[in-house]
């Protein structure tokens, strides 16, 4: 039985670096044997199914294939459908409030939420963080977003072991996964 995953690539299609067309990405993963491959927006979000149940093995396989095909040092985070449901459900309540700009920072092993949290640069009364299942939730007061220190994260050594998605994208990815699961469930009846 195949498990549905979201693959979150980091460092592609940012500026002029690591430009990968989503159609090429989809073709690459289909040729590697992954099923029901779909991409969402240009920032490297891929939905796919795999019989591999070991996240470390799947991550290694995907990183090797993408590095070989596209000639860059591929780094990514994967989450199963169940993990994404848990991540969205555990988000701080204020993530639904328009007064905040909110991101989910997905962490790649071996980086843990506790370790990441201890290194985050925060501006008091602007930035807020909380840990979740394999993630750090980062928010800033929208009216004072220019004062946030979120942009400093990219200069930190631990940044290579994380990828960031805004709250809307995170919710949309879960919605897409839920829809795909319903379609497969219905087709199986």
C-alpha atoms as a PDB file:
ATOM      1  CA  UNK A   1       0.000   0.000   0.000  1.00  0.00           C
ATOM      2  CA  UNK A   2       1.337   3.414  -0.972  1.00  0.00           C
ATOM      3  CA  UNK A   3       1.576   6.348   1.423  1.00  0.00           C
ATOM      4  CA  UNK A   4       0.792   9.879   0.326  1.00  0.00           C
ATOM      5  CA  UNK A   5       3.557  12.408   0.994  1.00  0.00           C
ATOM      6  CA  UNK A   6       4.226  16.065   0.425  1.00  0.00           C
ATOM      7  CA  UNK A   7       7.816  16.744  -0.606  1.00  0.00           C
ATOM      8  CA  UNK A   8       9.025  20.240   0.279  1.00  0.00           C
ATOM      9  CA  UNK A   9      12.087  21.157  -1.736  1.00  0.00           C
ATOM     10  CA  UNK A  10      14.286  23.934  -0.454  1.00  0.00           C
ATOM     11  CA  UNK A  11      16.302  26.410  -2.454  1.00  0.00           C
ATOM     12  CA  UNK A  12      14.722  26.034  -5.877  1.00  0.00           C
ATOM     13  CA  UNK A  13      13.306  28.779  -8.082  1.00  0.00           C
ATOM     14  CA  UNK A  14      14.548  31.503  -5.735  1.00  0.00           C
ATOM     15  CA  UNK A  15      16.031  34.403  -7.676  1.00  0.00           C
ATOM     16  CA  UNK A  16      18.115  32.861 -10.441  1.00  0.00           C
ATOM     17  CA  UNK A  17      19.166  29.830  -8.410  1.00  0.00           C
ATOM     18  CA  UNK A  18      18.291  26.208  -9.088  1.00  0.00           C
ATOM     19  CA  UNK A  19      15.565  26.925 -11.621  1.00  0.00           C
ATOM     20  CA  UNK A  20      13.453  23.824 -12.109  1.00  0.00           C
ATOM     21  CA  UNK A  21      10.274  23.737 -14.158  1.00  0.00           C
ATOM     22  CA  UNK A  22       7.484  21.967 -12.331  1.00  0.00           C
ATOM     23  CA  UNK A  23       6.689  19.868 -15.419  1.00  0.00           C
ATOM     24  CA  UNK A  24      10.313  18.640 -15.458  1.00  0.00           C
ATOM     25  CA  UNK A  25      10.169  17.927 -11.729  1.00  0.00           C
ATOM     26  CA  UNK A  26       6.988  15.914 -12.177  1.00  0.00           C
ATOM     27  CA  UNK A  27       8.477  13.941 -15.080  1.00  0.00           C
ATOM     28  CA  UNK A  28      11.647  13.218 -13.074  1.00  0.00           C
ATOM     29  CA  UNK A  29       9.708  11.794 -10.142  1.00  0.00           C
ATOM     30  CA  UNK A  30       7.330   9.780 -12.310  1.00  0.00           C
ATOM     31  CA  UNK A  31      10.314   8.247 -14.127  1.00  0.00           C
ATOM     32  CA  UNK A  32      11.701   7.256 -10.698  1.00  0.00           C
ATOM     33  CA  UNK A  33       8.533   5.224 -10.084  1.00  0.00           C
ATOM     34  CA  UNK A  34       6.538   7.555  -7.860  1.00  0.00           C
ATOM     35  CA  UNK A  35       2.777   7.542  -8.416  1.00  0.00           C
ATOM     36  CA  UNK A  36       0.150  10.300  -8.590  1.00  0.00           C
ATOM     37  CA  UNK A  37       2.799  13.028  -8.758  1.00  0.00           C
ATOM     38  CA  UNK A  38       1.479  16.600  -8.714  1.00  0.00           C
ATOM     39  CA  UNK A  39       3.178  19.930  -8.056  1.00  0.00           C
ATOM     40  CA  UNK A  40       1.798  23.010  -6.374  1.00  0.00           C
ATOM     41  CA  UNK A  41       3.186  26.475  -7.175  1.00  0.00           C
ATOM     42  CA  UNK A  42       6.761  27.073  -8.298  1.00  0.00           C
ATOM     43  CA  UNK A  43       8.456  26.940  -4.903  1.00  0.00           C
ATOM     44  CA  UNK A  44       8.938  23.176  -4.857  1.00  0.00           C
ATOM     45  CA  UNK A  45       5.891  21.517  -3.355  1.00  0.00           C
ATOM     46  CA  UNK A  46       5.241  18.022  -4.666  1.00  0.00           C
ATOM     47  CA  UNK A  47       2.512  15.561  -3.767  1.00  0.00           C
ATOM     48  CA  UNK A  48       3.252  11.930  -4.515  1.00  0.00           C
ATOM     49  CA  UNK A  49       2.658   8.379  -3.413  1.00  0.00           C
ATOM     50  CA  UNK A  50       5.324   5.861  -2.520  1.00  0.00           C
ATOM     51  CA  UNK A  51       5.322   2.345  -1.089  1.00  0.00           C
ATOM     52  CA  UNK A  52       8.377   3.379   0.977  1.00  0.00           C
ATOM     53  CA  UNK A  53       7.353   3.778   4.619  1.00  0.00           C
ATOM     54  CA  UNK A  54      10.780   4.785   5.970  1.00  0.00           C
ATOM     55  CA  UNK A  55      11.012   8.596   5.740  1.00  0.00           C
ATOM     56  CA  UNK A  56      14.839   8.573   5.899  1.00  0.00           C
ATOM     57  CA  UNK A  57      15.111   6.138   2.978  1.00  0.00           C
ATOM     58  CA  UNK A  58      12.538   8.063   0.956  1.00  0.00           C
ATOM     59  CA  UNK A  59      14.304  11.369   1.641  1.00  0.00           C
ATOM     60  CA  UNK A  60      17.643   9.894   0.566  1.00  0.00           C
ATOM     61  CA  UNK A  61      16.151   8.433  -2.622  1.00  0.00           C
ATOM     62  CA  UNK A  62      14.458  11.696  -3.554  1.00  0.00           C
ATOM     63  CA  UNK A  63      17.506  13.860  -2.802  1.00  0.00           C
ATOM     64  CA  UNK A  64      19.798  11.623  -4.869  1.00  0.00           C
ATOM     65  CA  UNK A  65      17.403  11.551  -7.831  1.00  0.00           C
ATOM     66  CA  UNK A  66      16.845  15.326  -7.819  1.00  0.00           C
ATOM     67  CA  UNK A  67      20.554  16.102  -7.388  1.00  0.00           C
ATOM     68  CA  UNK A  68      21.496  13.806 -10.279  1.00  0.00           C
ATOM     69  CA  UNK A  69      18.747  15.040 -12.583  1.00  0.00           C
ATOM     70  CA  UNK A  70      18.943  18.770 -11.929  1.00  0.00           C
ATOM     71  CA  UNK A  71      22.600  19.194 -10.941  1.00  0.00           C
ATOM     72  CA  UNK A  72      22.223  20.842  -7.559  1.00  0.00           C
ATOM     73  CA  UNK A  73      22.622  19.771  -3.926  1.00  0.00           C
ATOM     74  CA  UNK A  74      19.028  18.747  -3.278  1.00  0.00           C
ATOM     75  CA  UNK A  75      17.742  19.125   0.266  1.00  0.00           C
ATOM     76  CA  UNK A  76      14.138  18.471   1.161  1.00  0.00           C
ATOM     77  CA  UNK A  77      11.671  17.645   3.876  1.00  0.00           C
ATOM     78  CA  UNK A  78       8.913  15.076   3.480  1.00  0.00           C
ATOM     79  CA  UNK A  79       5.699  14.755   5.459  1.00  0.00           C
ATOM     80  CA  UNK A  80       3.072  12.071   5.245  1.00  0.00           C
ATOM     81  CA  UNK A  81      -0.586  13.021   4.980  1.00  0.00           C
ATOM     82  CA  UNK A  82      -1.060  12.107   8.637  1.00  0.00           C
ATOM     83  CA  UNK A  83       1.909  14.278   9.653  1.00  0.00           C
ATOM     84  CA  UNK A  84       0.528  17.254   7.703  1.00  0.00           C
ATOM     85  CA  UNK A  85      -2.850  16.852   9.395  1.00  0.00           C
ATOM     86  CA  UNK A  86      -1.101  16.902  12.764  1.00  0.00           C
ATOM     87  CA  UNK A  87       1.071  19.927  11.857  1.00  0.00           C
ATOM     88  CA  UNK A  88      -1.954  21.985  10.796  1.00  0.00           C
ATOM     89  CA  UNK A  89      -4.049  20.873  13.761  1.00  0.00           C
ATOM     90  CA  UNK A  90      -1.313  21.807  16.267  1.00  0.00           C
ATOM     91  CA  UNK A  91      -0.700  25.319  14.880  1.00  0.00           C
ATOM     92  CA  UNK A  92      -1.130  28.181  17.343  1.00  0.00           C
ATOM     93  CA  UNK A  93      -4.667  29.580  17.411  1.00  0.00           C
ATOM     94  CA  UNK A  94      -3.533  33.020  16.228  1.00  0.00           C
ATOM     95  CA  UNK A  95      -2.396  31.540  12.882  1.00  0.00           C
ATOM     96  CA  UNK A  96      -5.992  32.048  11.705  1.00  0.00           C
ATOM     97  CA  UNK A  97      -5.859  35.752  12.651  1.00  0.00           C
ATOM     98  CA  UNK A  98      -5.232  38.232   9.804  1.00  0.00           C
ATOM     99  CA  UNK A  99      -3.341  40.464  12.255  1.00  0.00           C
ATOM    100  CA  UNK A 100      -0.354  38.084  11.883  1.00  0.00           C
ATOM    101  CA  UNK A 101       1.853  36.830   9.068  1.00  0.00           C
ATOM    102  CA  UNK A 102       2.519  33.196   9.754  1.00  0.00           C
ATOM    103  CA  UNK A 103       4.962  30.578   8.511  1.00  0.00           C
ATOM    104  CA  UNK A 104       5.595  26.936   9.192  1.00  0.00           C
ATOM    105  CA  UNK A 105       9.282  26.072   9.270  1.00  0.00           C
ATOM    106  CA  UNK A 106       9.653  22.399   8.378  1.00  0.00           C
ATOM    107  CA  UNK A 107      12.759  20.814   9.897  1.00  0.00           C
ATOM    108  CA  UNK A 108      15.006  18.194   8.354  1.00  0.00           C
ATOM    109  CA  UNK A 109      16.630  15.579  10.577  1.00  0.00           C
ATOM    110  CA  UNK A 110      18.733  15.864  12.611  1.00  0.00           C
ATOM    111  CA  UNK A 111      17.481  19.377  13.477  1.00  0.00           C
ATOM    112  CA  UNK A 112      14.837  19.237  16.207  1.00  0.00           C
ATOM    113  CA  UNK A 113      12.196  21.850  17.043  1.00  0.00           C
ATOM    114  CA  UNK A 114      13.750  22.424  20.468  1.00  0.00           C
ATOM    115  CA  UNK A 115      17.231  22.965  18.995  1.00  0.00           C
ATOM    116  CA  UNK A 116      15.922  25.285  16.278  1.00  0.00           C
ATOM    117  CA  UNK A 117      13.844  27.293  18.728  1.00  0.00           C
ATOM    118  CA  UNK A 118      16.879  27.992  20.884  1.00  0.00           C
ATOM    119  CA  UNK A 119      18.614  29.700  17.954  1.00  0.00           C
ATOM    120  CA  UNK A 120      15.835  31.855  16.517  1.00  0.00           C
ATOM    121  CA  UNK A 121      16.426  35.601  16.404  1.00  0.00           C
ATOM    122  CA  UNK A 122      13.276  37.260  17.708  1.00  0.00           C
ATOM    123  CA  UNK A 123      12.143  40.840  18.068  1.00  0.00           C
ATOM    124  CA  UNK A 124      10.105  41.268  21.224  1.00  0.00           C
ATOM    125  CA  UNK A 125       6.472  42.291  20.672  1.00  0.00           C
ATOM    126  CA  UNK A 126       6.778  41.495  16.940  1.00  0.00           C
ATOM    127  CA  UNK A 127       7.892  37.873  16.528  1.00  0.00           C
ATOM    128  CA  UNK A 128       6.504  34.757  18.169  1.00  0.00           C
ATOM    129  CA  UNK A 129       7.534  31.123  17.850  1.00  0.00           C
ATOM    130  CA  UNK A 130       6.194  27.793  19.016  1.00  0.00           C
ATOM    131  CA  UNK A 131       7.271  24.224  18.414  1.00  0.00           C
ATOM    132  CA  UNK A 132       5.198  21.570  16.755  1.00  0.00           C
ATOM    133  CA  UNK A 133       5.628  18.051  15.362  1.00  0.00           C
ATOM    134  CA  UNK A 134       8.858  18.417  13.340  1.00  0.00           C
ATOM    135  CA  UNK A 135       8.219  22.119  12.779  1.00  0.00           C
ATOM    136  CA  UNK A 136       8.561  25.554  14.261  1.00  0.00           C
ATOM    137  CA  UNK A 137       5.623  27.912  13.909  1.00  0.00           C
ATOM    138  CA  UNK A 138       6.866  31.475  13.299  1.00  0.00           C
ATOM    139  CA  UNK A 139       4.571  34.497  13.278  1.00  0.00           C
ATOM    140  CA  UNK A 140       4.956  38.222  13.297  1.00  0.00           C
ATOM    141  CA  UNK A 141       2.535  41.070  13.856  1.00  0.00           C
ATOM    142  CA  UNK A 142       1.468  42.085  10.338  1.00  0.00           C
ATOM    143  CA  UNK A 143       1.467  45.812  11.113  1.00  0.00           C
ATOM    144  CA  UNK A 144       5.095  45.528  12.272  1.00  0.00           C
ATOM    145  CA  UNK A 145       6.303  42.826   9.854  1.00  0.00           C
ATOM    146  CA  UNK A 146       9.140  45.020   8.540  1.00  0.00           C
ATOM    147  CA  UNK A 147      10.637  44.925  12.046  1.00  0.00           C
ATOM    148  CA  UNK A 148      10.616  41.126  12.213  1.00  0.00           C
ATOM    149  CA  UNK A 149      13.851  39.201  12.417  1.00  0.00           C
ATOM    150  CA  UNK A 150      12.539  36.248  10.385  1.00  0.00           C
ATOM    151  CA  UNK A 151      14.841  37.108   7.463  1.00  0.00           C
ATOM    152  CA  UNK A 152      17.899  36.521   9.678  1.00  0.00           C
ATOM    153  CA  UNK A 153      17.136  32.805   9.748  1.00  0.00           C
ATOM    154  CA  UNK A 154      18.513  32.334   6.221  1.00  0.00           C
ATOM    155  CA  UNK A 155      22.007  33.416   7.352  1.00  0.00           C
ATOM    156  CA  UNK A 156      22.145  30.836  10.136  1.00  0.00           C
ATOM    157  CA  UNK A 157      23.974  27.484   9.688  1.00  0.00           C
ATOM    158  CA  UNK A 158      20.851  25.553  10.730  1.00  0.00           C
ATOM    159  CA  UNK A 159      18.939  27.034   7.775  1.00  0.00           C
ATOM    160  CA  UNK A 160      20.276  24.263   5.518  1.00  0.00           C
ATOM    161  CA  UNK A 161      18.112  21.848   7.532  1.00  0.00           C
ATOM    162  CA  UNK A 162      14.816  23.659   7.135  1.00  0.00           C
ATOM    163  CA  UNK A 163      12.388  24.899   4.549  1.00  0.00           C
ATOM    164  CA  UNK A 164       9.721  27.525   5.114  1.00  0.00           C
ATOM    165  CA  UNK A 165       6.152  27.649   3.842  1.00  0.00           C
ATOM    166  CA  UNK A 166       3.648  30.361   4.635  1.00  0.00           C
ATOM    167  CA  UNK A 167       0.519  29.353   6.489  1.00  0.00           C
ATOM    168  CA  UNK A 168      -1.741  29.632   3.440  1.00  0.00           C
ATOM    169  CA  UNK A 169       0.500  27.313   1.410  1.00  0.00           C
ATOM    170  CA  UNK A 170       0.698  24.835   4.290  1.00  0.00           C
ATOM    171  CA  UNK A 171      -3.089  24.735   4.600  1.00  0.00           C
ATOM    172  CA  UNK A 172      -3.509  24.424   0.825  1.00  0.00           C
ATOM    173  CA  UNK A 173      -1.105  21.487   0.689  1.00  0.00           C
ATOM    174  CA  UNK A 174      -3.111  19.708   3.367  1.00  0.00           C
ATOM    175  CA  UNK A 175      -6.363  20.445   1.524  1.00  0.00           C
ATOM    176  CA  UNK A 176      -4.879  18.963  -1.662  1.00  0.00           C
ATOM    177  CA  UNK A 177      -3.755  15.884   0.258  1.00  0.00           C
ATOM    178  CA  UNK A 178      -7.186  15.507   1.880  1.00  0.00           C
ATOM    179  CA  UNK A 179      -8.883  15.743  -1.523  1.00  0.00           C
ATOM    180  CA  UNK A 180      -6.536  13.189  -3.063  1.00  0.00           C
ATOM    181  CA  UNK A 181      -7.131  10.806  -0.138  1.00  0.00           C
ATOM    182  CA  UNK A 182     -10.917  11.151  -0.547  1.00  0.00           C
ATOM    183  CA  UNK A 183     -10.686  10.461  -4.286  1.00  0.00           C
ATOM    184  CA  UNK A 184      -8.592   7.336  -3.671  1.00  0.00           C
ATOM    185  CA  UNK A 185     -10.926   6.205  -0.890  1.00  0.00           C
ATOM    186  CA  UNK A 186     -13.959   6.652  -3.133  1.00  0.00           C
ATOM    187  CA  UNK A 187     -12.250   4.891  -6.048  1.00  0.00           C
ATOM    188  CA  UNK A 188     -11.432   1.950  -3.754  1.00  0.00           C
ATOM    189  CA  UNK A 189     -15.090   1.363  -2.842  1.00  0.00           C
END
